PDB file of N, CA and C in Angstrom:
ATOM      1  N   MET A   1       1.069  -1.450   0.196  1.00  0.00           N
ATOM      2  CA  MET A   1       0.252   0.182   0.111  1.00  0.00           C
ATOM      3  C   MET A   1       0.573   1.436   0.028  1.00  0.00           C
ATOM      4  N   THR A   2       0.335   2.453  -0.216  1.00  0.00           N
ATOM      5  CA  THR A   2       1.078   3.395  -0.502  1.00  0.00           C
ATOM      6  C   THR A   2       1.152   4.243   0.888  1.00  0.00           C
ATOM      7  N   ILE A   3       2.120   5.381   0.832  1.00  0.00           N
ATOM      8  CA  ILE A   3       2.453   5.310   1.988  1.00  0.00           C
ATOM      9  C   ILE A   3       0.771   6.563   2.530  1.00  0.00           C
ATOM     10  N   GLN A   4       0.022   7.156   1.411  1.00  0.00           N
ATOM     11  CA  GLN A   4      -0.803   7.279   2.340  1.00  0.00           C
ATOM     12  C   GLN A   4      -2.080   6.762   2.841  1.00  0.00           C
ATOM     13  N   GLU A   5      -2.497   5.425   1.977  1.00  0.00           N
ATOM     14  CA  GLU A   5      -2.726   4.683   2.291  1.00  0.00           C
ATOM     15  C   GLU A   5      -2.466   3.986   3.926  1.00  0.00           C
ATOM     16  N   ALA A   6      -0.919   3.818   4.043  1.00  0.00           N
ATOM     17  CA  ALA A   6      -0.370   3.600   5.357  1.00  0.00           C
ATOM     18  C   ALA A   6      -0.832   4.701   6.338  1.00  0.00           C
ATOM     19  N   ALA A   7      -0.471   5.981   6.125  1.00  0.00           N
ATOM     20  CA  ALA A   7      -1.075   6.971   6.760  1.00  0.00           C
ATOM     21  C   ALA A   7      -2.237   6.920   7.318  1.00  0.00           C
ATOM     22  N   ARG A   8      -3.315   6.801   6.309  1.00  0.00           N
ATOM     23  CA  ARG A   8      -4.447   6.787   6.575  1.00  0.00           C
ATOM     24  C   ARG A   8      -5.148   5.645   7.375  1.00  0.00           C
ATOM     25  N   ARG A   9      -4.784   4.479   7.552  1.00  0.00           N
ATOM     26  CA  ARG A   9      -5.156   3.035   7.923  1.00  0.00           C
ATOM     27  C   ARG A   9      -3.752   2.918   9.982  1.00  0.00           C
ATOM     28  N   SER A  10      -3.058   3.783   9.667  1.00  0.00           N
ATOM     29  CA  SER A  10      -2.291   4.082  10.870  1.00  0.00           C
ATOM     30  C   SER A  10      -2.456   5.156  11.731  1.00  0.00           C
ATOM     31  N   GLY A  11      -3.023   5.946  10.987  1.00  0.00           N
ATOM     32  CA  GLY A  11      -3.361   7.285  11.958  1.00  0.00           C
ATOM     33  C   GLY A  11      -2.304   8.180  12.018  1.00  0.00           C
ATOM     34  N   LEU A  12      -1.311   7.843  11.581  1.00  0.00           N
ATOM     35  CA  LEU A  12      -0.161   8.686  11.820  1.00  0.00           C
ATOM     36  C   LEU A  12       0.063   9.524  10.337  1.00  0.00           C
ATOM     37  N   SER A  13       0.825  10.458  10.161  1.00  0.00           N
ATOM     38  CA  SER A  13       0.956  11.373   9.087  1.00  0.00           C
ATOM     39  C   SER A  13       2.076  10.484   8.160  1.00  0.00           C
ATOM     40  N   ALA A  14       2.167  10.896   7.064  1.00  0.00           N
ATOM     41  CA  ALA A  14       3.158  10.518   6.214  1.00  0.00           C
ATOM     42  C   ALA A  14       4.701  11.034   6.384  1.00  0.00           C
ATOM     43  N   TYR A  15       4.540  12.141   7.098  1.00  0.00           N
ATOM     44  CA  TYR A  15       5.639  12.906   7.418  1.00  0.00           C
ATOM     45  C   TYR A  15       6.046  12.025   8.621  1.00  0.00           C
ATOM     46  N   THR A  16       5.128  11.151   9.589  1.00  0.00           N
ATOM     47  CA  THR A  16       5.816  11.018  10.529  1.00  0.00           C
ATOM     48  C   THR A  16       6.467   9.058  10.420  1.00  0.00           C
ATOM     49  N   LEU A  17       5.284   8.954   9.606  1.00  0.00           N
ATOM     50  CA  LEU A  17       6.026   7.244   8.687  1.00  0.00           C
ATOM     51  C   LEU A  17       7.292   7.679   8.093  1.00  0.00           C
ATOM     52  N   ARG A  18       7.621   8.617   7.342  1.00  0.00           N
ATOM     53  CA  ARG A  18       9.084   9.113   6.973  1.00  0.00           C
ATOM     54  C   ARG A  18       9.797   9.254   8.164  1.00  0.00           C
ATOM     55  N   TYR A  19       9.825   9.799   8.965  1.00  0.00           N
ATOM     56  CA  TYR A  19      10.415  10.310  10.392  1.00  0.00           C
ATOM     57  C   TYR A  19      11.219   8.679  10.959  1.00  0.00           C
ATOM     58  N   TYR A  20       9.677   8.071  11.321  1.00  0.00           N
ATOM     59  CA  TYR A  20      10.007   6.563  12.082  1.00  0.00           C
ATOM     60  C   TYR A  20      10.826   5.590  10.698  1.00  0.00           C
ATOM     61  N   GLU A  21      10.748   5.862   9.378  1.00  0.00           N
ATOM     62  CA  GLU A  21      11.750   5.214   8.908  1.00  0.00           C
ATOM     63  C   GLU A  21      13.145   5.597   8.882  1.00  0.00           C
ATOM     64  N   ARG A  22      12.985   6.996   8.608  1.00  0.00           N
ATOM     65  CA  ARG A  22      14.450   7.533   8.966  1.00  0.00           C
ATOM     66  C   ARG A  22      15.190   7.755  10.024  1.00  0.00           C
ATOM     67  N   ILE A  23      14.588   7.258  11.674  1.00  0.00           N
ATOM     68  CA  ILE A  23      15.353   7.039  12.880  1.00  0.00           C
ATOM     69  C   ILE A  23      15.507   5.485  13.105  1.00  0.00           C
ATOM     70  N   GLY A  24      14.786   4.508  12.071  1.00  0.00           N
ATOM     71  CA  GLY A  24      14.978   3.300  12.522  1.00  0.00           C
ATOM     72  C   GLY A  24      13.981   2.331  13.434  1.00  0.00           C
ATOM     73  N   LEU A  25      12.736   3.376  13.240  1.00  0.00           N
ATOM     74  CA  LEU A  25      11.785   2.899  14.023  1.00  0.00           C
ATOM     75  C   LEU A  25      11.216   1.599  13.103  1.00  0.00           C
ATOM     76  N   ILE A  26      11.171   1.919  11.904  1.00  0.00           N
ATOM     77  CA  ILE A  26      10.599   0.827  11.231  1.00  0.00           C
ATOM     78  C   ILE A  26      11.651   0.856  10.332  1.00  0.00           C
ATOM     79  N   HIS A  27      11.299  -0.364   9.592  1.00  0.00           N
ATOM     80  CA  HIS A  27      12.877  -0.996   8.734  1.00  0.00           C
ATOM     81  C   HIS A  27      12.517  -0.200   7.773  1.00  0.00           C
ATOM     82  N   SER A  28      13.620  -0.485   6.717  1.00  0.00           N
ATOM     83  CA  SER A  28      13.612   0.349   5.364  1.00  0.00           C
ATOM     84  C   SER A  28      11.992  -0.434   4.924  1.00  0.00           C
ATOM     85  N   VAL A  29      11.033   0.554   4.432  1.00  0.00           N
ATOM     86  CA  VAL A  29      10.187  -0.530   3.573  1.00  0.00           C
ATOM     87  C   VAL A  29      10.387  -0.658   2.070  1.00  0.00           C
ATOM     88  N   GLY A  30       9.557  -1.690   1.992  1.00  0.00           N
ATOM     89  CA  GLY A  30       9.699  -2.036   0.434  1.00  0.00           C
ATOM     90  C   GLY A  30       9.445  -0.912  -0.707  1.00  0.00           C
ATOM     91  N   ARG A  31       9.757  -1.259  -1.926  1.00  0.00           N
ATOM     92  CA  ARG A  31       9.860  -0.350  -2.890  1.00  0.00           C
ATOM     93  C   ARG A  31       8.977  -1.209  -3.894  1.00  0.00           C
ATOM     94  N   ASP A  32       7.940  -0.222  -4.628  1.00  0.00           N
ATOM     95  CA  ASP A  32       7.107  -0.699  -5.859  1.00  0.00           C
ATOM     96  C   ASP A  32       8.105  -0.438  -6.951  1.00  0.00           C
ATOM     97  N   GLY A  33       7.742  -0.816  -8.579  1.00  0.00           N
ATOM     98  CA  GLY A  33       8.239  -0.814  -9.398  1.00  0.00           C
ATOM     99  C   GLY A  33       8.901   0.836  -9.693  1.00  0.00           C
ATOM    100  N   SER A  34       7.759   1.766  -9.215  1.00  0.00           N
ATOM    101  CA  SER A  34       8.027   2.850  -9.509  1.00  0.00           C
ATOM    102  C   SER A  34       9.128   3.565  -8.460  1.00  0.00           C
ATOM    103  N   GLY A  35       9.786   2.836  -7.482  1.00  0.00           N
ATOM    104  CA  GLY A  35      10.440   3.315  -6.191  1.00  0.00           C
ATOM    105  C   GLY A  35       9.415   4.092  -5.456  1.00  0.00           C
ATOM    106  N   HIS A  36       8.302   3.765  -5.523  1.00  0.00           N
ATOM    107  CA  HIS A  36       7.537   4.462  -3.760  1.00  0.00           C
ATOM    108  C   HIS A  36       7.372   3.118  -2.534  1.00  0.00           C
ATOM    109  N   ARG A  37       7.394   4.167  -1.953  1.00  0.00           N
ATOM    110  CA  ARG A  37       7.210   3.313  -0.592  1.00  0.00           C
ATOM    111  C   ARG A  37       5.771   2.119  -0.620  1.00  0.00           C
ATOM    112  N   ASP A  38       6.111   0.548  -0.306  1.00  0.00           N
ATOM    113  CA  ASP A  38       5.211  -0.392  -0.414  1.00  0.00           C
ATOM    114  C   ASP A  38       4.779  -0.400   1.036  1.00  0.00           C
ATOM    115  N   TYR A  39       4.019  -0.336   1.547  1.00  0.00           N
ATOM    116  CA  TYR A  39       3.569  -1.080   3.349  1.00  0.00           C
ATOM    117  C   TYR A  39       2.889  -1.816   2.642  1.00  0.00           C
ATOM    118  N   ALA A  40       3.018  -3.125   3.793  1.00  0.00           N
ATOM    119  CA  ALA A  40       2.582  -4.271   4.013  1.00  0.00           C
ATOM    120  C   ALA A  40       1.546  -4.578   5.105  1.00  0.00           C
ATOM    121  N   GLU A  41       1.087  -5.284   5.488  1.00  0.00           N
ATOM    122  CA  GLU A  41      -0.391  -5.469   6.587  1.00  0.00           C
ATOM    123  C   GLU A  41       0.690  -5.412   7.603  1.00  0.00           C
ATOM    124  N   ARG A  42       2.254  -6.343   7.711  1.00  0.00           N
ATOM    125  CA  ARG A  42       2.900  -6.517   8.837  1.00  0.00           C
ATOM    126  C   ARG A  42       3.320  -4.777   9.156  1.00  0.00           C
ATOM    127  N   ASP A  43       3.465  -4.390   8.425  1.00  0.00           N
ATOM    128  CA  ASP A  43       3.979  -3.266   8.679  1.00  0.00           C
ATOM    129  C   ASP A  43       3.359  -2.230   9.497  1.00  0.00           C
ATOM    130  N   LEU A  44       2.224  -2.079   9.127  1.00  0.00           N
ATOM    131  CA  LEU A  44       0.955  -1.896   9.796  1.00  0.00           C
ATOM    132  C   LEU A  44       0.705  -2.260  11.335  1.00  0.00           C
ATOM    133  N   ALA A  45       0.706  -3.289  11.511  1.00  0.00           N
ATOM    134  CA  ALA A  45       0.871  -4.282  12.461  1.00  0.00           C
ATOM    135  C   ALA A  45       2.135  -3.355  13.283  1.00  0.00           C
ATOM    136  N   TRP A  46       3.003  -3.301  13.135  1.00  0.00           N
ATOM    137  CA  TRP A  46       4.164  -2.839  13.950  1.00  0.00           C
ATOM    138  C   TRP A  46       3.647  -1.227  14.306  1.00  0.00           C
ATOM    139  N   LEU A  47       3.154  -0.686  13.038  1.00  0.00           N
ATOM    140  CA  LEU A  47       3.195   1.129  13.709  1.00  0.00           C
ATOM    141  C   LEU A  47       1.963   0.801  14.320  1.00  0.00           C
ATOM    142  N   GLY A  48       1.050  -0.027  14.663  1.00  0.00           N
ATOM    143  CA  GLY A  48      -0.079   0.039  15.749  1.00  0.00           C
ATOM    144  C   GLY A  48       0.435  -0.195  17.510  1.00  0.00           C
ATOM    145  N   PHE A  49       1.704  -0.976  16.922  1.00  0.00           N
ATOM    146  CA  PHE A  49       2.093  -1.309  18.292  1.00  0.00           C
ATOM    147  C   PHE A  49       2.737  -0.180  18.619  1.00  0.00           C
ATOM    148  N   LEU A  50       4.003   0.597  17.647  1.00  0.00           N
ATOM    149  CA  LEU A  50       4.470   1.708  17.972  1.00  0.00           C
ATOM    150  C   LEU A  50       3.855   3.188  18.571  1.00  0.00           C
ATOM    151  N   THR A  51       2.643   2.923  18.216  1.00  0.00           N
ATOM    152  CA  THR A  51       1.455   3.690  18.311  1.00  0.00           C
ATOM    153  C   THR A  51       1.218   3.881  19.798  1.00  0.00           C
ATOM    154  N   LYS A  52       0.864   2.175  20.237  1.00  0.00           N
ATOM    155  CA  LYS A  52       0.407   2.152  21.538  1.00  0.00           C
ATOM    156  C   LYS A  52       1.634   2.400  22.858  1.00  0.00           C
ATOM    157  N   LEU A  53       2.743   2.636  22.050  1.00  0.00           N
ATOM    158  CA  LEU A  53       4.144   2.757  23.018  1.00  0.00           C
ATOM    159  C   LEU A  53       3.872   4.304  22.917  1.00  0.00           C
ATOM    160  N   ARG A  54       3.948   4.884  21.781  1.00  0.00           N
ATOM    161  CA  ARG A  54       3.741   6.451  21.801  1.00  0.00           C
ATOM    162  C   ARG A  54       2.923   7.118  23.070  1.00  0.00           C
ATOM    163  N   SER A  55       1.721   6.536  22.654  1.00  0.00           N
ATOM    164  CA  SER A  55       1.037   6.866  23.223  1.00  0.00           C
ATOM    165  C   SER A  55       0.563   6.472  25.207  1.00  0.00           C
ATOM    166  N   THR A  56       1.143   5.611  25.230  1.00  0.00           N
ATOM    167  CA  THR A  56       1.679   5.611  26.893  1.00  0.00           C
ATOM    168  C   THR A  56       2.667   6.359  27.343  1.00  0.00           C
ATOM    169  N   GLY A  57       3.565   7.240  26.523  1.00  0.00           N
ATOM    170  CA  GLY A  57       4.346   7.769  27.081  1.00  0.00           C
ATOM    171  C   GLY A  57       5.786   7.215  26.666  1.00  0.00           C
ATOM    172  N   MET A  58       6.091   6.125  25.959  1.00  0.00           N
ATOM    173  CA  MET A  58       7.560   5.416  25.801  1.00  0.00           C
ATOM    174  C   MET A  58       8.491   6.731  25.087  1.00  0.00           C
ATOM    175  N   PRO A  59       9.346   7.324  25.224  1.00  0.00           N
ATOM    176  CA  PRO A  59      10.299   8.130  24.552  1.00  0.00           C
ATOM    177  C   PRO A  59      10.751   7.385  23.164  1.00  0.00           C
ATOM    178  N   ILE A  60      10.905   8.277  22.553  1.00  0.00           N
ATOM    179  CA  ILE A  60      11.575   7.703  21.048  1.00  0.00           C
ATOM    180  C   ILE A  60      12.426   6.888  21.010  1.00  0.00           C
ATOM    181  N   ALA A  61      13.629   7.609  22.147  1.00  0.00           N
ATOM    182  CA  ALA A  61      14.798   6.434  22.402  1.00  0.00           C
ATOM    183  C   ALA A  61      14.750   5.338  22.648  1.00  0.00           C
ATOM    184  N   ASP A  62      13.817   4.907  23.685  1.00  0.00           N
ATOM    185  CA  ASP A  62      13.232   3.632  24.035  1.00  0.00           C
ATOM    186  C   ASP A  62      12.691   2.889  22.762  1.00  0.00           C
ATOM    187  N   MET A  63      12.018   3.445  22.219  1.00  0.00           N
ATOM    188  CA  MET A  63      11.382   2.771  21.284  1.00  0.00           C
ATOM    189  C   MET A  63      12.276   2.365  20.395  1.00  0.00           C
ATOM    190  N   CYS A  64      13.139   3.319  20.007  1.00  0.00           N
ATOM    191  CA  CYS A  64      14.811   2.924  18.786  1.00  0.00           C
ATOM    192  C   CYS A  64      15.024   1.870  19.203  1.00  0.00           C
ATOM    193  N   ARG A  65      15.167   1.889  20.816  1.00  0.00           N
ATOM    194  CA  ARG A  65      16.166   0.955  21.311  1.00  0.00           C
ATOM    195  C   ARG A  65      15.191  -0.608  21.491  1.00  0.00           C
ATOM    196  N   TYR A  66      14.049  -0.351  21.567  1.00  0.00           N
ATOM    197  CA  TYR A  66      13.305  -2.065  21.740  1.00  0.00           C
ATOM    198  C   TYR A  66      13.360  -2.398  19.575  1.00  0.00           C
ATOM    199  N   ALA A  67      13.304  -1.349  18.752  1.00  0.00           N
ATOM    200  CA  ALA A  67      13.271  -1.687  17.351  1.00  0.00           C
ATOM    201  C   ALA A  67      14.448  -1.937  17.072  1.00  0.00           C
ATOM    202  N   GLU A  68      15.452  -1.683  17.531  1.00  0.00           N
ATOM    203  CA  GLU A  68      16.875  -2.440  17.421  1.00  0.00           C
ATOM    204  C   GLU A  68      16.978  -3.597  17.781  1.00  0.00           C
ATOM    205  N   LEU A  69      16.677  -3.926  19.242  1.00  0.00           N
ATOM    206  CA  LEU A  69      16.394  -5.538  19.702  1.00  0.00           C
ATOM    207  C   LEU A  69      15.733  -6.074  19.095  1.00  0.00           C
ATOM    208  N   ALA A  70      14.527  -5.953  18.670  1.00  0.00           N
ATOM    209  CA  ALA A  70      13.457  -6.440  17.459  1.00  0.00           C
ATOM    210  C   ALA A  70      14.062  -7.366  16.396  1.00  0.00           C
ATOM    211  N   ARG A  71      15.311  -6.035  15.998  1.00  0.00           N
ATOM    212  CA  ARG A  71      15.514  -6.811  14.406  1.00  0.00           C
ATOM    213  C   ARG A  71      16.886  -7.599  14.900  1.00  0.00           C
ATOM    214  N   MET A  72      17.485  -7.287  16.031  1.00  0.00           N
ATOM    215  CA  MET A  72      18.701  -8.299  16.358  1.00  0.00           C
ATOM    216  C   MET A  72      18.116 -10.052  16.584  1.00  0.00           C
ATOM    217  N   GLY A  73      16.543  -9.987  16.893  1.00  0.00           N
ATOM    218  CA  GLY A  73      16.127 -11.405  16.951  1.00  0.00           C
ATOM    219  C   GLY A  73      15.829 -11.689  17.653  1.00  0.00           C
ATOM    220  N   PRO A  74      15.586 -13.151  17.993  1.00  0.00           N
ATOM    221  CA  PRO A  74      14.701 -14.022  18.752  1.00  0.00           C
ATOM    222  C   PRO A  74      15.633 -13.705  20.392  1.00  0.00           C
ATOM    223  N   HIS A  75      16.552 -13.839  20.064  1.00  0.00           N
ATOM    224  CA  HIS A  75      17.945 -13.746  21.426  1.00  0.00           C
ATOM    225  C   HIS A  75      17.983 -12.650  22.021  1.00  0.00           C
ATOM    226  N   THR A  76      16.991 -11.642  21.872  1.00  0.00           N
ATOM    227  CA  THR A  76      16.865 -10.253  22.588  1.00  0.00           C
ATOM    228  C   THR A  76      15.715 -10.355  23.041  1.00  0.00           C
ATOM    229  N   GLY A  77      14.961 -11.395  23.440  1.00  0.00           N
ATOM    230  CA  GLY A  77      13.773 -11.331  23.949  1.00  0.00           C
ATOM    231  C   GLY A  77      13.498 -11.003  25.477  1.00  0.00           C
ATOM    232  N   ARG A  78      14.509 -11.364  26.229  1.00  0.00           N
ATOM    233  CA  ARG A  78      14.560 -10.933  27.550  1.00  0.00           C
ATOM    234  C   ARG A  78      14.317  -9.476  27.693  1.00  0.00           C
ATOM    235  N   GLN A  79      15.921  -9.139  26.938  1.00  0.00           N
ATOM    236  CA  GLN A  79      15.746  -7.409  27.099  1.00  0.00           C
ATOM    237  C   GLN A  79      14.641  -6.799  26.721  1.00  0.00           C
ATOM    238  N   ARG A  80      13.986  -7.057  25.531  1.00  0.00           N
ATOM    239  CA  ARG A  80      12.614  -6.321  25.016  1.00  0.00           C
ATOM    240  C   ARG A  80      11.783  -6.424  26.495  1.00  0.00           C
ATOM    241  N   ARG A  81      11.540  -7.450  26.778  1.00  0.00           N
ATOM    242  CA  ARG A  81      10.712  -7.943  28.018  1.00  0.00           C
ATOM    243  C   ARG A  81      11.125  -7.010  28.714  1.00  0.00           C
ATOM    244  N   GLU A  82      12.373  -6.828  29.338  1.00  0.00           N
ATOM    245  CA  GLU A  82      12.800  -6.223  30.504  1.00  0.00           C
ATOM    246  C   GLU A  82      12.329  -4.565  30.099  1.00  0.00           C
ATOM    247  N   LEU A  83      12.692  -3.924  28.935  1.00  0.00           N
ATOM    248  CA  LEU A  83      12.513  -2.640  28.833  1.00  0.00           C
ATOM    249  C   LEU A  83      10.721  -2.657  28.755  1.00  0.00           C
ATOM    250  N   LEU A  84       9.816  -3.308  28.037  1.00  0.00           N
ATOM    251  CA  LEU A  84       8.507  -3.397  27.985  1.00  0.00           C
ATOM    252  C   LEU A  84       8.033  -3.238  29.610  1.00  0.00           C
ATOM    253  N   GLU A  85       8.796  -4.290  30.782  1.00  0.00           N
ATOM    254  CA  GLU A  85       8.129  -4.137  31.848  1.00  0.00           C
ATOM    255  C   GLU A  85       8.194  -2.880  32.693  1.00  0.00           C
ATOM    256  N   ALA A  86       9.578  -2.543  32.279  1.00  0.00           N
ATOM    257  CA  ALA A  86      10.109  -1.048  32.939  1.00  0.00           C
ATOM    258  C   ALA A  86       9.277   0.084  32.579  1.00  0.00           C
ATOM    259  N   HIS A  87       8.772  -0.014  31.580  1.00  0.00           N
ATOM    260  CA  HIS A  87       7.725   1.030  30.740  1.00  0.00           C
ATOM    261  C   HIS A  87       6.279   0.629  31.225  1.00  0.00           C
ATOM    262  N   ARG A  88       5.930  -0.292  31.448  1.00  0.00           N
ATOM    263  CA  ARG A  88       4.787  -0.453  32.273  1.00  0.00           C
ATOM    264  C   ARG A  88       4.505  -0.140  33.599  1.00  0.00           C
ATOM    265  N   GLU A  89       5.730  -0.027  34.075  1.00  0.00           N
ATOM    266  CA  GLU A  89       5.570   0.589  35.596  1.00  0.00           C
ATOM    267  C   GLU A  89       5.511   1.791  35.823  1.00  0.00           C
ATOM    268  N   LYS A  90       6.306   2.694  34.582  1.00  0.00           N
ATOM    269  CA  LYS A  90       6.024   3.762  34.434  1.00  0.00           C
ATOM    270  C   LYS A  90       4.626   4.548  34.282  1.00  0.00           C
ATOM    271  N   VAL A  91       3.895   3.506  33.511  1.00  0.00           N
ATOM    272  CA  VAL A  91       2.562   3.599  33.026  1.00  0.00           C
ATOM    273  C   VAL A  91       1.750   3.536  34.438  1.00  0.00           C
ATOM    274  N   ARG A  92       1.649   2.411  34.790  1.00  0.00           N
ATOM    275  CA  ARG A  92       1.098   2.160  35.963  1.00  0.00           C
ATOM    276  C   ARG A  92       1.333   3.435  37.214  1.00  0.00           C
ATOM    277  N   ALA A  93       2.641   4.055  37.087  1.00  0.00           N
ATOM    278  CA  ALA A  93       2.820   5.158  38.090  1.00  0.00           C
ATOM    279  C   ALA A  93       1.898   6.390  37.676  1.00  0.00           C
ATOM    280  N   ARG A  94       1.778   6.683  36.214  1.00  0.00           N
ATOM    281  CA  ARG A  94       1.045   7.908  35.761  1.00  0.00           C
ATOM    282  C   ARG A  94      -0.271   7.679  35.977  1.00  0.00           C
ATOM    283  N   ILE A  95      -0.548   6.213  35.752  1.00  0.00           N
ATOM    284  CA  ILE A  95      -2.306   5.887  36.180  1.00  0.00           C
ATOM    285  C   ILE A  95      -2.367   6.183  37.795  1.00  0.00           C
ATOM    286  N   ALA A  96      -1.731   5.969  38.099  1.00  0.00           N
ATOM    287  CA  ALA A  96      -2.128   6.151  39.296  1.00  0.00           C
ATOM    288  C   ALA A  96      -2.077   7.762  40.150  1.00  0.00           C
ATOM    289  N   GLU A  97      -1.290   8.486  39.568  1.00  0.00           N
ATOM    290  CA  GLU A  97      -1.142   9.590  39.699  1.00  0.00           C
ATOM    291  C   GLU A  97      -2.538  10.532  38.714  1.00  0.00           C
ATOM    292  N   LEU A  98      -2.672  10.073  37.823  1.00  0.00           N
ATOM    293  CA  LEU A  98      -3.921  10.219  37.284  1.00  0.00           C
ATOM    294  C   LEU A  98      -5.239  10.057  37.879  1.00  0.00           C
ATOM    295  N   THR A  99      -5.206   8.965  38.230  1.00  0.00           N
ATOM    296  CA  THR A  99      -6.608   8.830  39.546  1.00  0.00           C
ATOM    297  C   THR A  99      -6.413   9.760  40.563  1.00  0.00           C
ATOM    298  N   GLN A 100      -5.553  10.002  41.358  1.00  0.00           N
ATOM    299  CA  GLN A 100      -5.231  10.908  42.236  1.00  0.00           C
ATOM    300  C   GLN A 100      -5.942  12.545  41.246  1.00  0.00           C
ATOM    301  N   ASP A 101      -5.304  12.619  41.254  1.00  0.00           N
ATOM    302  CA  ASP A 101      -5.780  13.911  39.984  1.00  0.00           C
ATOM    303  C   ASP A 101      -7.446  13.799  40.174  1.00  0.00           C
ATOM    304  N   LEU A 102      -7.682  12.641  39.255  1.00  0.00           N
ATOM    305  CA  LEU A 102      -9.552  13.032  39.170  1.00  0.00           C
ATOM    306  C   LEU A 102     -10.244  12.528  40.069  1.00  0.00           C
ATOM    307  N   GLU A 103      -9.813  12.294  41.039  1.00  0.00           N
ATOM    308  CA  GLU A 103     -10.532  12.075  42.818  1.00  0.00           C
ATOM    309  C   GLU A 103     -10.477  13.857  43.086  1.00  0.00           C
ATOM    310  N   VAL A 104      -9.289  14.140  42.855  1.00  0.00           N
ATOM    311  CA  VAL A 104      -9.397  15.774  43.245  1.00  0.00           C
ATOM    312  C   VAL A 104     -10.313  16.748  42.579  1.00  0.00           C
ATOM    313  N   LEU A 105     -10.441  16.709  41.223  1.00  0.00           N
ATOM    314  CA  LEU A 105     -11.626  16.874  40.294  1.00  0.00           C
ATOM    315  C   LEU A 105     -12.767  16.756  40.818  1.00  0.00           C
ATOM    316  N   ASP A 106     -13.133  15.621  40.968  1.00  0.00           N
ATOM    317  CA  ASP A 106     -14.582  15.215  41.478  1.00  0.00           C
ATOM    318  C   ASP A 106     -14.963  15.726  43.010  1.00  0.00           C
ATOM    319  N   TYR A 107     -14.157  15.752  43.724  1.00  0.00           N
ATOM    320  CA  TYR A 107     -14.310  16.472  44.922  1.00  0.00           C
ATOM    321  C   TYR A 107     -14.665  17.903  45.045  1.00  0.00           C
ATOM    322  N   LYS A 108     -14.115  18.547  43.499  1.00  0.00           N
ATOM    323  CA  LYS A 108     -14.173  20.034  43.287  1.00  0.00           C
ATOM    324  C   LYS A 108     -15.901  20.033  43.022  1.00  0.00           C
ATOM    325  N   ILE A 109     -15.517  19.321  41.782  1.00  0.00           N
ATOM    326  CA  ILE A 109     -17.208  19.035  40.892  1.00  0.00           C
ATOM    327  C   ILE A 109     -18.203  19.298  42.154  1.00  0.00           C
ATOM    328  N   GLU A 110     -18.217  18.349  43.079  1.00  0.00           N
ATOM    329  CA  GLU A 110     -19.064  17.682  44.205  1.00  0.00           C
ATOM    330  C   GLU A 110     -19.468  18.881  45.040  1.00  0.00           C
ATOM    331  N   SER A 111     -18.500  19.752  45.047  1.00  0.00           N
ATOM    332  CA  SER A 111     -18.768  20.301  46.249  1.00  0.00           C
ATOM    333  C   SER A 111     -19.182  22.101  45.223  1.00  0.00           C
ATOM    334  N   TYR A 112     -19.294  21.974  44.240  1.00  0.00           N
ATOM    335  CA  TYR A 112     -19.827  22.981  43.257  1.00  0.00           C
ATOM    336  C   TYR A 112     -21.261  22.473  43.068  1.00  0.00           C
ATOM    337  N   ARG A 113     -21.378  21.553  42.990  1.00  0.00           N
ATOM    338  CA  ARG A 113     -23.138  21.077  43.038  1.00  0.00           C
ATOM    339  C   ARG A 113     -23.622  21.009  44.429  1.00  0.00           C
ATOM    340  N   GLY A 114     -23.075  20.756  45.640  1.00  0.00           N
ATOM    341  CA  GLY A 114     -23.872  21.119  46.563  1.00  0.00           C
ATOM    342  C   GLY A 114     -23.509  22.351  46.846  1.00  0.00           C
ATOM    343  N   ARG A 115     -23.070  23.301  46.573  1.00  0.00           N
ATOM    344  CA  ARG A 115     -23.623  24.866  46.779  1.00  0.00           C
ATOM    345  C   ARG A 115     -24.255  25.014  45.449  1.00  0.00           C
ATOM    346  N   ASP A 116     -24.242  24.574  44.619  1.00  0.00           N
ATOM    347  CA  ASP A 116     -25.966  24.830  43.458  1.00  0.00           C
ATOM    348  C   ASP A 116     -26.803  24.787  44.349  1.00  0.00           C
ATOM    349  N   GLU A 117     -26.889  23.418  43.984  1.00  0.00           N
ATOM    350  CA  GLU A 117     -28.118  22.801  45.042  1.00  0.00           C
ATOM    351  C   GLU A 117     -28.728  23.753  46.532  1.00  0.00           C
ATOM    352  N   GLN A 118     -27.534  24.060  47.435  1.00  0.00           N
ATOM    353  CA  GLN A 118     -27.935  25.290  48.488  1.00  0.00           C
ATOM    354  C   GLN A 118     -28.696  26.238  47.839  1.00  0.00           C
ATOM    355  N   ALA A 119     -28.026  27.117  46.905  1.00  0.00           N
ATOM    356  CA  ALA A 119     -28.470  27.756  46.194  1.00  0.00           C
ATOM    357  C   ALA A 119     -29.946  27.941  45.657  1.00  0.00           C
ATOM    358  N   HIS A 120     -30.405  27.012  44.997  1.00  0.00           N
ATOM    359  CA  HIS A 120     -31.400  26.912  44.591  1.00  0.00           C
ATOM    360  C   HIS A 120     -32.829  26.354  45.344  1.00  0.00           C
ATOM    361  N   THR A 121     -32.397  26.085  46.941  1.00  0.00           N
ATOM    362  CA  THR A 121     -33.477  25.715  47.501  1.00  0.00           C
ATOM    363  C   THR A 121     -33.685  27.104  48.460  1.00  0.00           C
ATOM    364  N   ARG A 122     -32.603  28.090  48.531  1.00  0.00           N
ATOM    365  CA  ARG A 122     -33.104  29.143  49.058  1.00  0.00           C
ATOM    366  C   ARG A 122     -34.035  29.887  48.623  1.00  0.00           C
TER     367      ARG A 122
END
């Protein structure tokens, strides 16, 4: 598929796809007879995984390290797992922070509701 189709299906821009390829996050994408990038379904699956890593806050440098390890082969499985486990702990810590922040918001919202109800009953 073309870069435009891959961009549409992955939710990433063509610029981002080229950038990811340039920094080694995605392997060199195949080329069609005209020399244009030709993305495959496996490329989209990889992009989906990268998108999840990015949306959970993994730094690009860690994503590049993971991609590098993946290209090195199955013997790097332990290192990749450890990288993902460390990231998972960061995500869990961020979720805990957000949960506390949400509780503060909920408390504040309820306090305003209480004030509004008191004002309407007067």
